[in-house]
């Protein structure tokens, strides 16, 4: 029996997992889940694309690495595979929790873990009656939010199942709040209701922390995090053009992250998460902001060659050679004076404010090859494959 990599499209993360599996001597099977027709009939089952029959691959698979990027497809894939008697990483139970920001936060809150103040109103911004009359609920929802969170401090509206910063909107006035609530129509990334959160003064960066557990072993937290940094937007997501830096984690933070992982993965023998966290720096900004912005501008210039390599389409035809160029170019960026200065500012700020950290999201299928691996030194493909292996035995 083998491990199968289930994916929608073969991107850099999937190519990295394949390369790492070869290096570790792991026989990895492949399931292009997005275009497979799954058929059930009486006692029969088949899995086929237009050009290939994957039924035997399914039969020979013991553990599935579920790397479907769509949250909906990933949740569906885990449930299907488990129904077929396969073990999945992560399980459908974990995927159900991580699918929703609110469900994740409720789970962490119940375990007394630090999360931002969050308000959920199940009502949608507008409803339609049977006579097609539209009822607007924006003002009532805004009133409920403002009762709990001061608009002067900022209220963040979030899509409950959103990714990459989509539909995350900041309100600093009543008018902005009403406008943003109106934008939250029910859809695939915001299935029901409206979620609001206090604006955490994270200064200019947030953190992505990797935690994982192999079957039969204690959970592990990597001691370096990916810091996503910049002043381009209150959202520091890299998809919005922010930079990446290494961040050293104090022991107290890694201990908290492990508790988060154990809470979200409760009842499961193996799991892996990328936890997103922010530190409420408040007014404890220990360096001049003009100096910091100047260093970020210099770092952005040093990062341009990395961006150029990332956009190089040769990754599709010669991944190994492209990856070597990416590593060399990133090493030059990480050795630049501006990178080191910003990194040191982040490290000092985390150490000084480690007790003000809050966790705000958990990713069950984190992207890692282009940023997390290069910044933290952790090839996430290794714990992915080793946790999967641990489930076979």
Protein backbone atom coordinates (compact mmCIF):
# COMPACT_ATOMS: atom_id res chain seq x y z
CA UNK A 1 0.00 0.00 0.00
CA UNK A 2 1.25 3.47 -0.85
CA UNK A 3 0.85 7.21 -0.27
CA UNK A 4 -1.05 9.17 -2.91
CA UNK A 5 -0.76 12.88 -3.57
CA UNK A 6 -4.23 14.22 -4.36
CA UNK A 7 -4.21 17.58 -6.10
CA UNK A 8 -6.17 19.82 -8.47
CA UNK A 9 -3.31 21.26 -10.51
CA UNK A 10 0.37 20.46 -10.28
CA UNK A 11 1.86 23.71 -8.97
CA UNK A 12 5.21 24.39 -7.27
CA UNK A 13 4.13 22.83 -3.96
CA UNK A 14 3.11 19.60 -5.68
CA UNK A 15 6.33 19.54 -7.74
CA UNK A 16 8.27 20.08 -4.53
CA UNK A 17 6.47 17.20 -2.81
CA UNK A 18 7.23 14.94 -5.78
CA UNK A 19 10.92 15.92 -5.74
CA UNK A 20 11.18 15.47 -1.98
CA UNK A 21 9.49 12.05 -2.15
CA UNK A 22 12.09 10.94 -4.71
CA UNK A 23 14.90 12.19 -2.46
CA UNK A 24 13.43 10.30 0.52
CA UNK A 25 12.91 7.14 -1.53
CA UNK A 26 9.13 7.25 -1.09
CA UNK A 27 6.98 5.71 -3.83
CA UNK A 28 4.35 8.39 -4.31
CA UNK A 29 1.22 7.88 -6.40
CA UNK A 30 -0.73 10.74 -7.99
CA UNK A 31 -4.44 11.51 -8.08
CA UNK A 32 -5.47 14.54 -10.21
CA UNK A 33 -8.72 14.84 -8.28
CA UNK A 34 -10.29 17.77 -10.10
CA UNK A 35 -10.92 15.89 -13.37
CA UNK A 36 -11.63 12.39 -12.11
CA UNK A 37 -15.11 10.92 -12.48
CA UNK A 38 -15.95 8.89 -9.36
CA UNK A 39 -18.63 6.27 -9.99
CA UNK A 40 -20.49 4.14 -7.43
CA UNK A 41 -22.87 1.38 -8.53
CA UNK A 42 -24.09 -1.47 -6.35
CA UNK A 43 -20.82 -2.83 -4.94
CA UNK A 44 -18.63 -1.37 -7.69
CA UNK A 45 -16.43 1.71 -7.66
CA UNK A 46 -14.33 3.35 -10.37
CA UNK A 47 -12.22 6.50 -10.74
CA UNK A 48 -11.41 7.64 -14.26
CA UNK A 49 -10.35 10.68 -16.23
CA UNK A 50 -11.02 10.94 -19.96
CA UNK A 51 -7.64 9.37 -20.67
CA UNK A 52 -6.74 7.18 -17.69
CA UNK A 53 -8.26 4.74 -15.21
CA UNK A 54 -7.19 5.54 -11.63
CA UNK A 55 -9.28 2.85 -9.95
CA UNK A 56 -6.28 0.67 -9.16
CA UNK A 57 -4.38 3.68 -7.78
CA UNK A 58 -7.28 4.26 -5.39
CA UNK A 59 -7.29 0.59 -4.42
CA UNK A 60 -3.54 0.54 -3.72
CA UNK A 61 -3.53 3.75 -1.68
CA UNK A 62 -3.38 3.59 2.10
CA UNK A 63 -2.87 7.29 2.92
CA UNK A 64 -3.87 10.36 0.94
CA UNK A 65 -2.02 13.68 1.07
CA UNK A 66 -4.97 15.95 0.39
CA UNK A 67 -3.58 18.98 -1.47
CA UNK A 68 -6.72 20.16 -3.27
CA UNK A 69 -6.49 23.95 -3.16
CA UNK A 70 -10.23 24.59 -3.19
CA UNK A 71 -11.53 24.30 0.38
CA UNK A 72 -14.76 22.76 -0.86
CA UNK A 73 -13.02 20.16 -3.01
CA UNK A 74 -10.56 19.41 -0.22
CA UNK A 75 -13.35 18.79 2.29
CA UNK A 76 -15.18 16.62 -0.22
CA UNK A 77 -11.99 14.71 -1.10
CA UNK A 78 -11.19 13.88 2.53
CA UNK A 79 -14.69 12.58 3.17
CA UNK A 80 -14.72 10.48 -0.02
CA UNK A 81 -11.31 8.96 0.69
CA UNK A 82 -12.21 8.15 4.28
CA UNK A 83 -15.45 6.51 3.13
CA UNK A 84 -13.31 4.37 0.81
CA UNK A 85 -11.26 3.27 3.82
CA UNK A 86 -8.25 5.54 3.28
CA UNK A 87 -6.48 7.64 5.90
CA UNK A 88 -6.16 11.30 5.02
CA UNK A 89 -3.86 14.12 5.92
CA UNK A 90 -5.63 16.16 7.06
CA UNK A 91 -8.84 14.37 8.02
CA UNK A 92 -12.30 15.58 7.02
CA UNK A 93 -12.87 16.50 10.67
CA UNK A 94 -9.85 18.82 10.57
CA UNK A 95 -10.83 20.18 7.16
CA UNK A 96 -14.32 20.98 8.48
CA UNK A 97 -12.83 23.06 11.31
CA UNK A 98 -10.25 24.85 9.16
CA UNK A 99 -12.75 25.53 6.37
CA UNK A 100 -14.30 28.23 8.56
CA UNK A 101 -12.44 31.01 10.36
CA UNK A 102 -15.25 31.11 12.92
CA UNK A 103 -15.14 27.36 13.62
CA UNK A 104 -11.36 27.58 14.02
CA UNK A 105 -11.61 30.49 16.43
CA UNK A 106 -14.37 28.82 18.47
CA UNK A 107 -12.23 25.70 18.85
CA UNK A 108 -9.22 27.72 20.01
CA UNK A 109 -11.30 29.97 22.27
CA UNK A 110 -12.85 26.92 23.97
CA UNK A 111 -9.30 25.76 24.79
CA UNK A 112 -8.45 29.17 26.31
CA UNK A 113 -6.04 30.02 23.52
CA UNK A 114 -5.57 33.71 22.55
CA UNK A 115 -7.74 34.86 19.64
CA UNK A 116 -8.89 38.32 18.49
CA UNK A 117 -12.26 39.57 19.70
CA UNK A 118 -14.70 38.25 17.10
CA UNK A 119 -18.42 38.81 16.52
CA UNK A 120 -20.58 36.58 14.32
CA UNK A 121 -24.08 37.51 13.20
CA UNK A 122 -25.79 34.59 11.37
CA UNK A 123 -28.10 36.99 9.53
CA UNK A 124 -27.14 37.92 5.95
CA UNK A 125 -26.80 41.56 4.92
CA UNK A 126 -30.06 41.32 2.99
CA UNK A 127 -32.91 38.81 2.77
CA UNK A 128 -35.64 38.24 0.18
CA UNK A 129 -39.20 37.51 1.21
CA UNK A 130 -41.54 35.17 -0.70
CA UNK A 131 -43.00 38.20 -2.47
CA UNK A 132 -39.43 39.05 -3.60
CA UNK A 133 -39.30 42.09 -1.35
CA UNK A 134 -35.73 42.77 -0.19
CA UNK A 135 -35.12 43.37 3.51
CA UNK A 136 -31.93 45.22 4.44
CA UNK A 137 -30.24 44.12 7.66
CA UNK A 138 -27.02 46.15 7.36
CA UNK A 139 -27.88 48.72 10.04
CA UNK A 140 -28.94 46.10 12.58
CA UNK A 141 -25.78 44.08 11.94
CA UNK A 142 -23.64 47.21 12.22
CA UNK A 143 -25.31 48.09 15.54
CA UNK A 144 -24.52 44.63 16.90
CA UNK A 145 -20.88 44.93 15.83
CA UNK A 146 -20.46 48.42 17.27
CA UNK A 147 -21.91 47.31 20.58
CA UNK A 148 -18.94 44.94 20.95
CA UNK A 149 -16.12 46.65 18.99
CA UNK A 150 -15.36 50.35 18.82
CA UNK A 151 -15.46 51.72 15.29
CA UNK A 152 -12.75 54.19 16.32
CA UNK A 153 -10.36 51.27 16.83
CA UNK A 154 -11.34 49.70 13.51
CA UNK A 155 -13.69 46.83 12.67
CA UNK A 156 -12.53 44.18 10.21
CA UNK A 157 -15.15 42.31 8.17
CA UNK A 158 -14.00 38.86 7.03
CA UNK A 159 -15.27 36.23 4.62
CA UNK A 160 -15.61 33.15 6.81
CA UNK A 161 -14.05 30.76 4.26
CA UNK A 162 -11.95 33.28 2.32
CA UNK A 163 -8.27 32.90 1.40
CA UNK A 164 -5.44 35.15 0.21
CA UNK A 165 -6.97 38.22 1.84
CA UNK A 166 -10.15 38.07 -0.26
CA UNK A 167 -13.12 39.99 1.14
CA UNK A 168 -11.25 41.24 4.21
CA UNK A 169 -12.36 44.84 4.67
CA UNK A 170 -11.44 47.48 7.25
CA UNK A 171 -14.04 49.91 8.57
CA UNK A 172 -13.07 53.03 10.52
CA UNK A 173 -16.36 54.90 10.12
CA UNK A 174 -20.03 53.96 10.36
CA UNK A 175 -20.42 54.58 6.62
CA UNK A 176 -17.52 52.28 5.77
CA UNK A 177 -18.94 49.61 8.06
CA UNK A 178 -22.34 49.70 6.36
CA UNK A 179 -20.76 49.60 2.91
CA UNK A 180 -18.55 46.64 3.84
CA UNK A 181 -21.43 44.70 5.38
CA UNK A 182 -23.38 45.16 2.13
CA UNK A 183 -20.49 43.50 0.28
CA UNK A 184 -20.86 40.26 2.25
CA UNK A 185 -23.38 38.51 0.03
CA UNK A 186 -23.70 34.73 0.57
CA UNK A 187 -21.23 32.94 -1.69
CA UNK A 188 -18.69 30.12 -1.73
CA UNK A 189 -16.20 31.99 0.51
CA UNK A 190 -18.83 33.47 2.81
CA UNK A 191 -21.62 30.89 3.06
CA UNK A 192 -23.70 32.49 5.80
CA UNK A 193 -23.88 35.57 7.98
CA UNK A 194 -21.23 38.19 8.70
CA UNK A 195 -18.02 37.86 10.73
CA UNK A 196 -16.37 40.92 12.30
CA UNK A 197 -13.16 41.20 14.25
CA UNK A 198 -11.29 43.83 16.20
CA UNK A 199 -8.41 45.42 14.31
CA UNK A 200 -5.24 44.03 15.89
CA UNK A 201 -2.42 46.58 15.82
CA UNK A 202 0.16 44.18 14.39
CA UNK A 203 2.32 47.12 13.25
CA UNK A 204 3.69 45.95 9.88
CA UNK A 205 3.88 42.13 9.99
CA UNK A 206 2.08 38.92 10.84
CA UNK A 207 3.32 35.36 11.31
CA UNK A 208 2.78 31.97 9.73
CA UNK A 209 3.81 29.15 12.06
CA UNK A 210 4.13 25.48 11.08
CA UNK A 211 3.05 22.78 13.55
CA UNK A 212 2.69 19.06 12.84
CA UNK A 213 2.33 15.68 14.49
CA UNK A 214 3.37 12.23 13.35
CA UNK A 215 1.42 9.19 14.51
CA UNK A 216 2.85 7.99 17.82
CA UNK A 217 4.97 11.11 18.44
CA UNK A 218 4.60 14.43 20.22
CA UNK A 219 3.58 17.47 18.21
CA UNK A 220 6.35 19.71 16.86
CA UNK A 221 6.46 23.44 16.14
CA UNK A 222 9.18 24.76 13.85
CA UNK A 223 11.10 27.43 15.78
CA UNK A 224 11.18 29.88 12.87
CA UNK A 225 8.11 31.49 11.35
CA UNK A 226 7.40 33.19 8.06
CA UNK A 227 6.88 36.90 8.72
CA UNK A 228 4.86 38.67 6.03
CA UNK A 229 5.69 42.34 6.24
CA UNK A 230 4.94 45.70 4.69
CA UNK A 231 2.85 48.85 4.86
CA UNK A 232 1.02 48.34 1.55
CA UNK A 233 -2.23 47.42 3.29
CA UNK A 234 -3.53 46.52 6.75
CA UNK A 235 -3.55 42.99 5.32
CA UNK A 236 0.04 41.73 5.18
CA UNK A 237 -0.72 38.83 2.85
CA UNK A 238 2.08 38.18 0.33
CA UNK A 239 -0.51 38.05 -2.48
CA UNK A 240 -0.91 41.79 -1.93
CA UNK A 241 2.77 42.43 -2.61
CA UNK A 242 4.22 42.30 0.89
CA UNK A 243 7.71 40.94 1.61
CA UNK A 244 8.82 37.84 3.52
CA UNK A 245 11.32 37.59 6.39
CA UNK A 246 12.48 34.98 8.87
CA UNK A 247 11.14 35.37 12.40
CA UNK A 248 12.60 33.62 15.42
CA UNK A 249 9.93 32.26 17.77
CA UNK A 250 10.33 32.37 21.58
CA UNK A 251 9.72 29.09 23.38
CA UNK A 252 6.48 30.41 24.87
CA UNK A 253 5.10 31.02 21.36
CA UNK A 254 6.09 27.56 20.07
CA UNK A 255 4.44 26.04 23.16
CA UNK A 256 1.23 27.96 22.41
CA UNK A 257 1.35 26.91 18.76
CA UNK A 258 1.69 23.25 19.75
CA UNK A 259 -1.34 23.64 22.01
CA UNK A 260 -3.23 25.14 19.06
CA UNK A 261 -2.25 22.20 16.86
CA UNK A 262 -3.28 19.65 19.48
CA UNK A 263 -6.60 21.47 19.92
CA UNK A 264 -7.44 21.61 16.21
CA UNK A 265 -6.15 18.08 15.59
CA UNK A 266 -7.84 16.58 18.67
CA UNK A 267 -8.76 12.93 18.14
CA UNK A 268 -6.47 12.55 15.10
CA UNK A 269 -3.23 10.58 15.08
CA UNK A 270 -1.41 12.87 12.66
CA UNK A 271 -1.93 16.38 11.31
CA UNK A 272 -0.20 19.46 9.96
CA UNK A 273 -1.21 23.13 10.15
CA UNK A 274 0.08 26.53 9.19
CA UNK A 275 -1.16 28.82 11.94
CA UNK A 276 -1.60 32.52 11.20
CA UNK A 277 -0.88 34.77 14.15
CA UNK A 278 -0.60 38.47 14.95
CA UNK A 279 1.04 40.33 17.81
CA UNK A 280 -0.91 43.25 19.25
CA UNK A 281 2.04 45.62 19.32
CA UNK A 282 -0.15 48.59 20.32
CA UNK A 283 2.20 51.54 20.85
CA UNK A 284 5.27 49.37 21.56
CA UNK A 285 6.98 50.17 18.27
CA UNK A 286 10.63 50.27 19.22
CA UNK A 287 12.13 51.80 16.06
CA UNK A 288 11.46 54.92 14.04
CA UNK A 289 8.84 54.12 11.40
CA UNK A 290 10.50 56.27 8.74
CA UNK A 291 13.70 54.24 9.17
CA UNK A 292 11.71 50.99 8.96
CA UNK A 293 9.90 52.04 5.79
CA UNK A 294 13.23 53.00 4.20
CA UNK A 295 14.63 49.54 5.00
CA UNK A 296 11.51 47.87 3.58
CA UNK A 297 11.92 49.89 0.38
CA UNK A 298 15.53 48.71 0.09
CA UNK A 299 14.48 45.13 0.82
CA UNK A 300 11.84 45.38 -1.92
CA UNK A 301 14.58 46.27 -4.40
CA UNK A 302 16.68 43.33 -3.21
CA UNK A 303 13.63 41.08 -3.66
CA UNK A 304 13.04 41.97 -7.32
CA UNK A 305 15.38 39.22 -8.68
CA UNK A 306 13.45 36.66 -6.58
CA UNK A 307 10.18 37.82 -8.10
CA UNK A 308 11.67 37.52 -11.55
CA UNK A 309 12.70 33.90 -10.94
CA UNK A 310 9.27 33.09 -9.45
CA UNK A 311 7.64 34.27 -12.66
CA UNK A 312 10.00 32.21 -14.85
CA UNK A 313 7.90 29.65 -16.73
CA UNK A 314 10.83 27.18 -16.93
CA UNK A 315 9.57 25.89 -13.58
CA UNK A 316 6.98 23.99 -15.64
CA UNK A 317 9.56 22.27 -17.84
CA UNK A 318 12.65 21.93 -15.61
CA UNK A 319 11.56 22.31 -12.00
CA UNK A 320 14.87 21.19 -10.50
CA UNK A 321 16.95 23.77 -12.40
CA UNK A 322 14.39 26.50 -11.74
CA UNK A 323 14.36 25.64 -8.03
CA UNK A 324 18.17 25.87 -7.81
CA UNK A 325 18.03 29.37 -9.32
CA UNK A 326 15.26 30.34 -6.91
CA UNK A 327 17.27 29.18 -3.89
CA UNK A 328 20.41 31.02 -5.00
CA UNK A 329 18.53 34.24 -5.71
CA UNK A 330 16.63 34.10 -2.41
CA UNK A 331 19.89 33.52 -0.53
CA UNK A 332 21.21 36.79 -1.97
CA UNK A 333 18.03 38.59 -0.86
CA UNK A 334 18.25 37.13 2.66
CA UNK A 335 21.90 38.21 3.00
CA UNK A 336 21.15 41.85 2.10
CA UNK A 337 21.64 44.45 4.83
CA UNK A 338 18.04 45.65 4.59
CA UNK A 339 16.67 42.11 5.01
CA UNK A 340 18.81 41.55 8.10
CA UNK A 341 17.81 44.89 9.63
CA UNK A 342 14.08 44.25 9.15
CA UNK A 343 14.48 40.67 10.41
CA UNK A 344 16.19 41.92 13.58
CA UNK A 345 13.41 44.47 14.16
CA UNK A 346 10.80 41.71 13.85
CA UNK A 347 12.70 39.33 16.15
CA UNK A 348 13.09 42.00 18.84
CA UNK A 349 9.46 43.04 18.54
CA UNK A 350 8.23 39.45 18.90
CA UNK A 351 10.41 38.89 21.97
CA UNK A 352 9.22 42.12 23.60
CA UNK A 353 5.54 41.46 22.89
CA UNK A 354 5.30 37.67 22.92
CA UNK A 355 2.53 37.72 25.50
CA UNK A 356 0.31 39.80 23.18
CA UNK A 357 0.10 37.19 20.40
CA UNK A 358 -3.25 36.01 19.04
CA UNK A 359 -4.04 33.22 16.55
CA UNK A 360 -6.58 34.15 13.89
CA UNK A 361 -6.58 31.34 11.32
CA UNK A 362 -5.38 27.79 10.66
CA UNK A 363 -4.50 26.52 7.19
CA UNK A 364 -4.88 22.78 6.63
CA UNK A 365 -3.21 22.90 3.19
CA UNK A 366 -0.54 25.61 3.39
CA UNK A 367 1.44 26.84 0.41
CA UNK A 368 5.09 26.49 1.27
CA UNK A 369 7.60 25.99 -1.56
CA UNK A 370 8.21 29.59 -2.63
CA UNK A 371 8.12 31.34 0.75
CA UNK A 372 7.87 29.24 3.92
CA UNK A 373 10.56 26.78 2.84
CA UNK A 374 13.03 29.46 1.78
CA UNK A 375 12.45 31.76 4.74
CA UNK A 376 12.25 29.28 7.62
CA UNK A 377 14.50 26.53 6.27
CA UNK A 378 11.69 23.99 6.72
CA UNK A 379 10.73 22.03 3.62
CA UNK A 380 7.11 21.35 4.61
CA UNK A 381 7.05 18.45 2.14
CA UNK A 382 9.20 16.47 4.61
CA UNK A 383 6.74 16.56 7.56
CA UNK A 384 3.89 16.09 5.08
CA UNK A 385 5.41 12.88 3.77
CA UNK A 386 6.63 11.64 7.16
CA UNK A 387 3.27 12.20 8.86
CA UNK A 388 1.63 10.32 5.99
CA UNK A 389 4.14 7.47 6.34
CA UNK A 390 3.46 7.29 10.07
CA UNK A 391 -0.21 6.54 9.35
CA UNK A 392 0.59 3.46 7.26
CA UNK A 393 2.01 1.58 10.20
